Amino acid sequence: MYFRSYYDLLTDYAKFKRQKKEVNDNDFILGHLHPIFRDKHASSGTAKGAYFYQDLLVAQRIFQNEPQIHIDVGSRIDGFVAHVASFREINVFDIRPPENRVRNIIFSQLNFMAKLSEEMIESCDSLSCLHTIEHFGLGRYGDTINFNGHLLGMENLYKLLKRGGTLYFSTPMGEPQQVKFHAHRIFSLRYLLKQFNEKYIIKHFSYVNDDGYLFENVYLTEENINTSFNCKYGCGIFELEKI
């Protein structure tokens, strides 16, 4: 396979040099060969996985819902936040500072396990926290160690959002529920629903399974709740309305 690829490269290079001579080009010099063999037979890109689907799905929902103020807590800057910033302002809270400033992204460094200031209470009508809460309190990102860090973060999400506002929330989902210190937690679906009970109405639930495929706006049955949709390390994606 390697020799075939190199033979094809040299054949293509010879053809390219002949074409340069035929068109009498003096604008480009031919630099050193820089072979890249892996791309020729690869697909055009990977369009699956928890981050790909959650970032795209939630950004689309925010575009459709047109909130007044959207705040994000700790989601991926080069994925979801960038998607949203392409069409509106987004306020971002993260425990780590950004490397640079980007138009439409308003950044504030914040420990989201700490007590919120009074002016932050019910300060937005739209809020996102994607694939983030599972890290709270595990020290991976420079945060303090706190066994209940995820509960502190979830309580602050609730306080930050106005009544009737929308929370877009995603996190690893699977059985058994566990902590893989200091990487992340994996939550059972039943546990997550317990945390949302009497606080939110579930407007949409989607999930990405262990193979990286999205199942959008699915119905929650007792069997699916008990098995977390047979995931070991999937991703639950919630759209919730604060009661």
Foldseek 3Di string as FASTA:
>chain_A
DVVVQVVVVVVVVVVVVVVCVVVVDPPDDDDDDDDDRPPPPDDPDDCFAQQNVLLVVVLVVCVVVVWPAEEEEDDDCVTNVVSNQVPAAYEYEYCDDDPDDDHSYHYDYDLLLDDDDPCQFQPTQHYEYEQHLFQFQQCPVPHHHDPCRSVSNVVSVLRRHHAQGKYKYKHWEFPPFDRDGNPGTHHQLLVVVVSCPPFWDWPFKWKAAPVGHIDTRDDDDPVCSVGVVVHHTIMIITIIGTD
